[in-house]
Amino acid sequence: MMRTRPLKVALLGCGVVGSEVARIMTTHADDLTARIGAPVELAGVAVRRPDRVREGIAPELVTTDATALVKRGDIDVVVEVIGGIEPARGLITTAFEHGASVVSANKALLAQDGAALHAAAEEHGRDLYYEAAVAGAIPLIRPLRESLAGDKINRVMGIVNGTTNFILDKMDSTGAGYQEALDEATALGYAEADPTADVEGFDAAAKAAILAAIAFHTRVRLDDVYREGMTEVTAADFASAKEMGCTIKLLAICERAEDGASVTARVHPAMIPLSHPLASVRGAYNAVFVESDAAGQLMFYGPGAGGSPTASAVLGDLVAVCRNRLSGTTGPGESAYAALPVSPMGDVVTRYHISLDVADKPGVLAQVATVFAEHGVSIDTVRQSGKDGEASLVVVTHRASDAALTGTVEALRKLDTVRGVASIMRVEGE
């Protein structure tokens, strides 16, 4: 039986994503009503600039007092798309205290304070949903915490930032340098005026923390995630990758240790074979590769950012939360029962591609090989070229720990025959 009294929604933020949420709520009102079992009504929109014209939103719904809006008491769901830590954190907890469930797209806040927000939601018997916080329109969080709830996830590896993927894809396909590719991304609107959060990996690291926490039933915070940006990736790195049959992507990687006793979460550029599904992800698209015991290998692919894609994920959560409100239930909350330790980056084991500038004279390769052996790092392949007394030496290792590789590089720098370490890059996906 259809309920006639509408469920009231408060919208915090009306930028690119918020305005799309409001538009879809209006244009798809009948469909949303049929899918939920009751009408949904936009009861208020909190903004910073009330004088801006917002098409399709009645002026009387607009307010600058977000706190008063979430305290009203008649709000069923608060949709938070303002981002940042404060005032978002305070508004979300206030919403729970006054009886509202919350749908959020705030990756930074959830990566930093997800456990506290989940606890507040549970204390007040309310929902906290955040599908839009990780991969835009791509359904990812719900499959991880619901569809795969009976499985054991061992690895989540993906491209979770469209800006960086666009830049690296452009470098790969055209031979452009980093700055040239960044300038094009900025001109096309893919990169912000200040691209630091994207290109230095902060955005991807927040998403990695959220994914690792859900996949491994363990609290993983932003501070637990190793982060390395992509600003040092060069055209020469791509040339080396092509010689290996690889390309380069900025990856978020969350792994369970082989013995199952710990987990790791990291973000960094990596070479991946062209045969790997993630290698074919082009432009500003996102994709996440999941490996589990029973389901095997799964890949989720689609637009990871933008107003409409992100609003799609927000509306999906809104429908789910509204259905829960009608049935008097709540959906899945935090699952952190495993409480596995998060290992430091030094414990991570992977392959490495190291490019060295060396003197072009007899015995150099033997010296370099000896250093690798002394630090327990096994060499897979070596390629050497040079002339006029200078040479380059490219070494690809078998799997080794980050700590062992770090010690190896430090020792290499002390050799008189090694002029410098041109680049070090991890090799993943094999």
Protein backbone atom coordinates (compact mmCIF):
# COMPACT_ATOMS: atom_id res chain seq x y z
CA MET A 1 0.00 0.00 0.00
CA MET A 2 1.36 3.40 -1.02
CA ARG A 3 1.93 5.89 1.80
CA THR A 4 0.69 9.38 0.96
CA ARG A 5 2.68 11.39 3.53
CA PRO A 6 5.98 12.29 1.89
CA LEU A 7 9.41 11.47 3.24
CA LYS A 8 11.23 14.75 3.74
CA VAL A 9 14.77 15.25 2.45
CA ALA A 10 17.22 18.00 3.44
CA LEU A 11 19.98 18.72 0.95
CA LEU A 12 23.27 20.11 2.27
CA GLY A 13 25.10 21.67 -0.66
CA CYS A 14 23.83 22.62 -4.07
CA GLY A 15 26.89 22.66 -6.28
CA VAL A 16 27.52 20.38 -9.26
CA VAL A 17 26.34 17.23 -7.45
CA GLY A 18 23.70 18.77 -5.20
CA SER A 19 21.94 20.56 -8.03
CA GLU A 20 21.78 17.30 -9.99
CA VAL A 21 20.32 15.50 -6.97
CA ALA A 22 17.62 18.15 -6.69
CA ARG A 23 16.91 18.01 -10.43
CA ILE A 24 16.55 14.23 -10.50
CA MET A 25 14.34 14.26 -7.41
CA THR A 26 12.03 16.65 -9.25
CA THR A 27 12.06 15.18 -12.75
CA HIS A 28 11.86 11.56 -11.59
CA ALA A 29 9.47 12.18 -8.71
CA ASP A 30 6.81 9.70 -9.89
CA ASP A 31 9.33 6.92 -10.48
CA LEU A 32 10.97 7.52 -7.10
CA THR A 33 7.58 7.40 -5.41
CA ALA A 34 6.78 4.07 -7.06
CA ARG A 35 10.15 2.57 -6.20
CA ILE A 36 10.16 3.74 -2.58
CA GLY A 37 6.48 3.30 -1.74
CA ALA A 38 5.99 6.91 -0.68
CA PRO A 39 6.62 10.36 -2.15
CA VAL A 40 9.90 12.11 -1.40
CA GLU A 41 9.86 15.84 -0.84
CA LEU A 42 12.79 18.24 -0.94
CA ALA A 43 12.18 20.06 2.34
CA GLY A 44 15.18 22.40 2.38
CA VAL A 45 18.48 23.18 0.70
CA ALA A 46 21.41 24.58 2.70
CA VAL A 47 23.86 26.72 0.72
CA ARG A 48 26.56 29.32 1.30
CA ARG A 49 25.39 31.77 -1.37
CA PRO A 50 21.60 32.19 -1.16
CA ASP A 51 21.41 34.86 -3.86
CA ARG A 52 22.54 32.52 -6.65
CA VAL A 53 19.78 31.44 -9.05
CA ARG A 54 19.10 27.70 -8.73
CA GLU A 55 16.89 26.43 -11.51
CA GLY A 56 14.09 24.15 -10.36
CA ILE A 57 14.50 24.91 -6.65
CA ALA A 58 11.89 27.11 -4.99
CA PRO A 59 13.59 30.12 -3.33
CA GLU A 60 11.75 29.50 -0.06
CA LEU A 61 13.56 26.14 0.31
CA VAL A 62 16.99 27.76 0.28
CA THR A 63 18.70 28.58 3.57
CA THR A 64 22.16 29.41 4.85
CA ASP A 65 21.41 27.88 8.26
CA ALA A 66 22.30 24.22 7.71
CA THR A 67 22.23 23.46 11.43
CA ALA A 68 18.65 24.68 11.81
CA LEU A 69 17.64 22.63 8.79
CA VAL A 70 18.97 19.32 10.14
CA LYS A 71 17.53 20.10 13.60
CA ARG A 72 13.97 20.54 12.35
CA GLY A 73 12.84 17.14 13.58
CA ASP A 74 10.61 16.38 10.60
CA ILE A 75 13.50 15.56 8.25
CA ASP A 76 13.72 11.86 7.32
CA VAL A 77 16.94 11.91 5.29
CA VAL A 78 19.82 14.37 5.09
CA VAL A 79 21.86 14.30 1.88
CA GLU A 80 25.33 15.75 2.53
CA VAL A 81 27.31 16.82 -0.55
CA ILE A 82 29.24 19.80 0.81
CA GLY A 83 32.49 17.85 1.38
CA GLY A 84 35.33 18.58 3.79
CA ILE A 85 35.57 17.73 7.47
CA GLU A 86 33.72 20.60 9.12
CA PRO A 87 30.95 21.64 9.20
CA ALA A 88 29.97 18.34 7.52
CA ARG A 89 30.89 16.17 10.52
CA GLY A 90 28.90 18.26 12.97
CA LEU A 91 25.90 18.45 10.65
CA ILE A 92 25.83 14.69 10.12
CA THR A 93 25.99 13.88 13.83
CA THR A 94 23.33 16.52 14.52
CA ALA A 95 21.12 14.93 11.86
CA PHE A 96 21.38 11.56 13.61
CA GLU A 97 20.57 13.15 16.97
CA HIS A 98 17.40 14.68 15.51
CA GLY A 99 16.14 11.51 13.91
CA ALA A 100 17.37 11.69 10.31
CA SER A 101 19.32 9.11 8.35
CA VAL A 102 22.21 10.35 6.20
CA VAL A 103 23.39 9.86 2.64
CA SER A 104 26.87 11.30 2.06
CA ALA A 105 29.41 11.61 -0.75
CA ASN A 106 32.13 12.83 1.62
CA LYS A 107 35.15 10.55 1.12
CA ALA A 108 37.56 12.67 3.18
CA LEU A 109 35.31 12.67 6.24
CA LEU A 110 34.44 8.98 5.99
CA ALA A 111 38.11 8.02 5.59
CA GLN A 112 39.04 10.06 8.67
CA ASP A 113 36.05 9.55 10.97
CA GLY A 114 34.01 6.72 9.49
CA ALA A 115 34.04 4.68 12.71
CA ALA A 116 32.70 7.57 14.82
CA LEU A 117 29.99 8.37 12.26
CA HIS A 118 28.89 4.74 12.08
CA ALA A 119 28.77 4.63 15.89
CA ALA A 120 26.58 7.74 15.97
CA ALA A 121 24.25 6.27 13.35
CA GLU A 122 23.95 3.02 15.31
CA GLU A 123 23.38 4.85 18.60
CA HIS A 124 20.37 6.66 17.14
CA GLY A 125 19.11 3.76 15.01
CA ARG A 126 19.70 5.51 11.70
CA ASP A 127 21.34 4.73 8.36
CA LEU A 128 24.64 6.05 7.01
CA TYR A 129 25.02 5.34 3.28
CA TYR A 130 27.87 6.62 1.07
CA GLU A 131 28.02 4.84 -2.28
CA ALA A 132 28.94 8.12 -4.01
CA ALA A 133 32.05 8.60 -1.85
CA VAL A 134 34.29 6.15 -3.72
CA ALA A 135 33.60 5.69 -7.42
CA GLY A 136 30.85 8.01 -8.59
CA ALA A 137 28.12 6.13 -10.42
CA ILE A 138 29.88 2.75 -10.15
CA PRO A 139 28.03 0.43 -7.73
CA LEU A 140 30.88 -0.69 -5.50
CA ILE A 141 30.25 -0.21 -1.79
CA ARG A 142 26.93 -2.04 -1.80
CA PRO A 143 28.35 -5.08 -3.67
CA LEU A 144 31.30 -5.22 -1.26
CA ARG A 145 29.25 -5.04 1.92
CA GLU A 146 26.13 -6.86 0.75
CA SER A 147 26.54 -8.97 -2.40
CA LEU A 148 29.96 -10.28 -1.31
CA ALA A 149 29.16 -10.38 2.41
CA GLY A 150 29.43 -14.18 2.43
CA ASP A 151 32.75 -14.26 0.59
CA LYS A 152 36.34 -13.56 1.62
CA ILE A 153 37.84 -10.63 -0.27
CA ASN A 154 41.59 -10.81 -0.69
CA ARG A 155 42.38 -7.84 -2.88
CA VAL A 156 40.78 -4.65 -4.18
CA MET A 157 42.82 -2.82 -6.81
CA GLY A 158 41.57 0.02 -8.92
CA ILE A 159 41.65 3.35 -10.67
CA VAL A 160 39.53 5.57 -8.45
CA ASN A 161 40.41 9.05 -9.68
CA GLY A 162 39.34 10.16 -13.15
CA THR A 163 41.63 13.18 -13.32
CA THR A 164 44.81 11.19 -12.83
CA ASN A 165 43.68 8.48 -15.22
CA PHE A 166 42.99 11.08 -17.90
CA ILE A 167 46.46 12.58 -17.46
CA LEU A 168 48.29 9.24 -17.50
CA ASP A 169 46.22 7.98 -20.43
CA LYS A 170 47.09 11.13 -22.40
CA MET A 171 50.79 10.68 -21.61
CA ASP A 172 50.58 7.07 -22.75
CA SER A 173 48.63 7.63 -25.97
CA THR A 174 50.30 10.83 -27.20
CA GLY A 175 53.73 10.85 -25.62
CA ALA A 176 52.92 14.12 -23.84
CA GLY A 177 54.79 15.15 -20.73
CA TYR A 178 53.09 15.40 -17.35
CA GLN A 179 52.59 19.19 -17.40
CA GLU A 180 51.23 19.18 -20.94
CA ALA A 181 48.71 16.46 -20.07
CA LEU A 182 47.72 18.27 -16.87
CA ASP A 183 47.14 21.50 -18.80
CA GLU A 184 44.80 19.68 -21.17
CA ALA A 185 42.93 18.07 -18.27
CA THR A 186 42.49 21.51 -16.69
CA ALA A 187 41.26 23.05 -19.94
CA LEU A 188 38.68 20.29 -20.34
CA GLY A 189 37.45 20.66 -16.75
CA TYR A 190 38.78 17.30 -15.52
CA ALA A 191 41.37 18.91 -13.21
CA GLU A 192 40.75 21.60 -10.60
CA ALA A 193 42.69 24.87 -10.63
CA ASP A 194 44.63 23.33 -7.72
CA PRO A 195 44.96 19.64 -8.69
CA THR A 196 46.97 18.62 -5.61
CA ALA A 197 44.31 16.38 -4.06
CA ASP A 198 44.14 14.36 -7.27
CA VAL A 199 47.69 14.22 -8.60
CA GLU A 200 49.33 13.72 -5.19
CA GLY A 201 46.97 10.83 -4.41
CA PHE A 202 45.05 12.31 -1.46
CA ASP A 203 41.67 11.71 -3.12
CA ALA A 204 42.52 8.11 -4.02
CA ALA A 205 43.96 7.45 -0.55
CA ALA A 206 40.69 8.44 1.13
CA LYS A 207 38.82 6.09 -1.17
CA ALA A 208 41.33 3.30 -0.48
CA ALA A 209 40.75 3.66 3.26
CA ILE A 210 36.99 3.27 2.77
CA LEU A 211 37.36 0.28 0.44
CA ALA A 212 39.84 -1.51 2.71
CA ALA A 213 37.63 -1.02 5.77
CA ILE A 214 34.63 -2.55 4.02
CA ALA A 215 36.49 -5.34 2.19
CA PHE A 216 38.44 -6.57 5.21
CA HIS A 217 35.97 -5.82 8.05
CA THR A 218 38.69 -3.75 9.69
CA ARG A 219 38.96 -0.10 10.64
CA VAL A 220 41.31 1.55 8.17
CA ARG A 221 41.80 5.30 8.40
CA LEU A 222 43.34 7.72 5.97
CA ASP A 223 46.54 7.82 8.05
CA ASP A 224 46.93 4.06 7.50
CA VAL A 225 47.15 4.42 3.73
CA TYR A 226 50.55 4.78 2.06
CA ARG A 227 50.32 7.56 -0.52
CA GLU A 228 52.57 8.47 -3.42
CA GLY A 229 51.59 10.95 -6.13
CA MET A 230 52.14 10.76 -9.88
CA THR A 231 53.82 14.10 -10.59
CA GLU A 232 57.22 12.45 -11.11
CA VAL A 233 56.01 10.06 -13.83
CA THR A 234 57.75 10.89 -17.11
CA ALA A 235 57.49 10.09 -20.79
CA ALA A 236 60.62 7.96 -20.30
CA ASP A 237 58.73 5.86 -17.72
CA PHE A 238 56.02 5.21 -20.28
CA ALA A 239 58.63 4.24 -22.86
CA SER A 240 60.09 1.73 -20.40
CA ALA A 241 56.61 0.43 -19.60
CA LYS A 242 55.86 -0.13 -23.29
CA GLU A 243 59.08 -2.10 -23.68
CA MET A 244 57.76 -4.41 -20.94
CA GLY A 245 54.29 -4.66 -22.49
CA CYS A 246 52.84 -2.47 -19.74
CA THR A 247 51.23 0.89 -19.14
CA ILE A 248 51.19 3.11 -16.04
CA LYS A 249 48.19 3.83 -13.81
CA LEU A 250 47.74 5.50 -10.42
CA LEU A 251 46.35 2.60 -8.41
CA ALA A 252 44.61 2.24 -5.08
CA ILE A 253 45.51 -1.22 -3.77
CA CYS A 254 44.03 -2.87 -0.70
CA GLU A 255 45.36 -6.33 0.12
CA ARG A 256 45.03 -9.07 2.68
CA ALA A 257 48.38 -10.62 3.60
CA GLU A 258 48.98 -14.15 2.32
CA ASP A 259 48.71 -15.52 5.87
CA GLY A 260 45.50 -13.53 6.42
CA ALA A 261 46.88 -11.91 9.58
CA SER A 262 47.09 -8.31 8.36
CA VAL A 263 46.08 -5.93 5.58
CA THR A 264 47.69 -3.11 3.65
CA ALA A 265 46.30 -0.11 1.80
CA ARG A 266 48.33 2.02 -0.60
CA VAL A 267 48.13 4.48 -3.49
CA HIS A 268 50.93 4.95 -6.00
CA PRO A 269 51.76 4.86 -9.72
CA ALA A 270 52.45 1.37 -11.02
CA MET A 271 53.18 -0.45 -14.23
CA ILE A 272 50.51 -3.00 -15.15
CA PRO A 273 50.55 -5.45 -18.06
CA LEU A 274 48.50 -4.48 -21.11
CA SER A 275 46.72 -7.82 -20.68
CA HIS A 276 45.25 -6.74 -17.33
CA PRO A 277 41.66 -5.39 -17.52
CA LEU A 278 42.66 -2.15 -15.74
CA ALA A 279 45.17 -1.33 -18.49
CA SER A 280 42.34 -0.65 -20.96
CA VAL A 281 40.57 1.91 -18.74
CA ARG A 282 40.85 5.13 -20.71
CA GLY A 283 40.19 8.82 -20.21
CA ALA A 284 38.51 9.96 -17.01
CA TYR A 285 36.89 6.60 -16.29
CA ASN A 286 37.29 4.58 -13.10
CA ALA A 287 37.48 0.82 -12.61
CA VAL A 288 37.96 -1.40 -9.58
CA PHE A 289 39.18 -5.00 -9.73
CA VAL A 290 38.10 -7.28 -6.86
CA GLU A 291 39.55 -10.70 -6.07
CA SER A 292 37.78 -13.02 -3.64
CA ASP A 293 37.85 -16.69 -2.66
CA ALA A 294 34.49 -17.78 -4.03
CA ALA A 295 33.50 -15.21 -6.65
CA GLY A 296 36.98 -15.04 -8.14
CA GLN A 297 37.82 -11.93 -10.14
CA LEU A 298 35.26 -9.14 -10.64
CA MET A 299 35.63 -5.72 -12.24
CA PHE A 300 33.42 -2.67 -11.76
CA TYR A 301 33.76 0.02 -14.44
CA GLY A 302 32.20 3.37 -15.27
CA PRO A 303 32.33 7.16 -14.85
CA GLY A 304 33.80 7.90 -11.45
CA ALA A 305 33.01 11.60 -11.10
CA GLY A 306 30.83 14.41 -12.40
CA GLY A 307 27.48 15.78 -11.38
CA SER A 308 25.13 13.26 -12.99
CA PRO A 309 27.12 10.07 -12.27
CA THR A 310 27.68 11.02 -8.62
CA ALA A 311 24.05 12.09 -8.23
CA SER A 312 23.01 8.69 -9.57
CA ALA A 313 24.84 6.99 -6.69
CA VAL A 314 23.38 9.46 -4.18
CA LEU A 315 19.84 8.79 -5.43
CA GLY A 316 20.42 5.04 -5.24
CA ASP A 317 21.32 5.43 -1.57
CA LEU A 318 18.37 7.76 -1.02
CA VAL A 319 15.95 5.14 -2.35
CA ALA A 320 17.47 2.45 -0.13
CA VAL A 321 17.41 4.63 2.99
CA CYS A 322 13.83 5.76 2.36
CA ARG A 323 12.72 2.15 1.97
CA ASN A 324 14.37 1.37 5.30
CA ARG A 325 12.54 4.29 6.92
CA LEU A 326 9.20 2.97 5.69
CA SER A 327 9.88 -0.55 6.96
CA GLY A 328 11.32 0.65 10.28
CA THR A 329 14.67 -1.00 9.66
CA THR A 330 18.24 0.05 8.95
CA GLY A 331 20.72 -1.28 6.43
CA PRO A 332 24.24 -2.63 7.04
CA GLY A 333 26.36 -0.56 9.39
CA GLU A 334 30.05 -0.77 10.13
CA SER A 335 31.56 -4.25 10.09
CA ALA A 336 34.92 -4.15 11.85
CA TYR A 337 34.85 -7.47 13.69
CA ALA A 338 38.07 -8.76 12.05
CA ALA A 339 40.13 -5.90 13.54
CA LEU A 340 43.19 -6.86 11.50
CA PRO A 341 46.36 -4.81 11.91
CA VAL A 342 47.33 -2.55 9.02
CA SER A 343 50.91 -3.35 8.01
CA PRO A 344 53.34 -0.58 7.02
CA MET A 345 54.44 -0.10 3.44
CA GLY A 346 57.77 -1.74 4.19
CA ASP A 347 56.02 -5.11 4.49
CA VAL A 348 54.37 -4.87 1.06
CA VAL A 349 55.72 -7.40 -1.43
CA THR A 350 55.64 -6.66 -5.17
CA ARG A 351 57.85 -6.42 -8.26
CA TYR A 352 59.94 -3.35 -9.08
CA HIS A 353 61.25 -1.60 -12.18
CA ILE A 354 64.41 0.39 -11.38
CA SER A 355 66.21 2.61 -13.89
CA LEU A 356 69.82 3.52 -13.03
CA ASP A 357 72.28 5.94 -14.61
CA VAL A 358 75.65 4.22 -14.44
CA ALA A 359 79.20 4.48 -15.74
CA ASP A 360 79.72 2.63 -19.02
CA LYS A 361 82.62 0.39 -18.07
CA PRO A 362 83.28 -3.28 -17.26
CA GLY A 363 82.09 -4.65 -13.92
CA VAL A 364 79.19 -2.28 -13.35
CA LEU A 365 76.51 -4.92 -13.84
CA ALA A 366 78.31 -7.31 -11.51
CA GLN A 367 78.49 -4.63 -8.79
CA VAL A 368 74.81 -3.82 -9.14
CA ALA A 369 73.80 -7.48 -9.12
CA THR A 370 75.84 -8.05 -5.98
CA VAL A 371 74.00 -5.25 -4.14
CA PHE A 372 70.64 -6.75 -5.07
CA ALA A 373 71.76 -10.19 -3.89
CA GLU A 374 73.11 -8.84 -0.59
CA HIS A 375 69.69 -7.37 0.20
CA GLY A 376 67.77 -10.51 -0.76
CA VAL A 377 66.18 -9.02 -3.88
CA SER A 378 66.11 -11.41 -6.82
CA ILE A 379 66.58 -9.96 -10.32
CA ASP A 380 64.19 -11.03 -13.08
CA THR A 381 65.58 -9.13 -16.10
CA VAL A 382 68.32 -6.58 -16.84
CA ARG A 383 68.66 -4.27 -19.84
CA GLN A 384 71.79 -2.17 -20.38
CA SER A 385 72.57 0.48 -22.99
CA GLY A 386 75.08 3.29 -23.24
CA LYS A 387 77.87 5.14 -24.98
CA ASP A 388 80.57 7.79 -24.38
CA GLY A 389 81.18 6.62 -20.84
CA GLU A 390 77.58 6.88 -19.66
CA ALA A 391 74.94 4.14 -19.61
CA SER A 392 71.50 3.26 -18.36
CA LEU A 393 70.70 0.06 -16.56
CA VAL A 394 67.10 -1.12 -16.17
CA VAL A 395 66.49 -3.83 -13.59
CA VAL A 396 63.18 -5.63 -13.10
CA THR A 397 62.99 -7.65 -9.91
CA HIS A 398 61.06 -10.66 -8.79
CA ARG A 399 58.71 -10.01 -5.86
CA ALA A 400 60.42 -8.32 -2.93
CA SER A 401 59.39 -6.32 0.10
CA ASP A 402 59.38 -2.54 -0.04
CA ALA A 403 61.81 -2.48 2.89
CA ALA A 404 64.27 -4.75 1.06
CA LEU A 405 64.04 -2.66 -2.10
CA THR A 406 64.58 0.56 -0.12
CA GLY A 407 67.75 -0.87 1.41
CA THR A 408 68.93 -1.99 -2.01
CA VAL A 409 68.47 1.47 -3.53
CA GLU A 410 70.26 3.14 -0.63
CA ALA A 411 73.24 0.82 -1.16
CA LEU A 412 73.20 1.40 -4.92
CA ARG A 413 73.44 5.15 -4.42
CA LYS A 414 76.73 4.61 -2.57
CA LEU A 415 78.40 2.88 -5.52
CA ASP A 416 80.89 5.05 -7.39
CA THR A 417 79.72 3.57 -10.68
CA VAL A 418 76.04 4.54 -10.10
CA ARG A 419 75.50 8.15 -11.17
CA GLY A 420 71.90 8.25 -10.01
CA VAL A 421 68.56 6.46 -9.70
CA ALA A 422 66.44 7.75 -12.57
CA SER A 423 63.18 6.11 -11.50
CA ILE A 424 61.67 3.42 -9.34
CA MET A 425 58.22 2.03 -10.12
CA ARG A 426 56.24 -0.88 -8.80
CA VAL A 427 54.90 -3.52 -11.17
CA GLU A 428 51.41 -4.77 -10.27
CA GLY A 429 48.72 -6.98 -11.69
CA GLU A 430 50.79 -10.05 -12.51
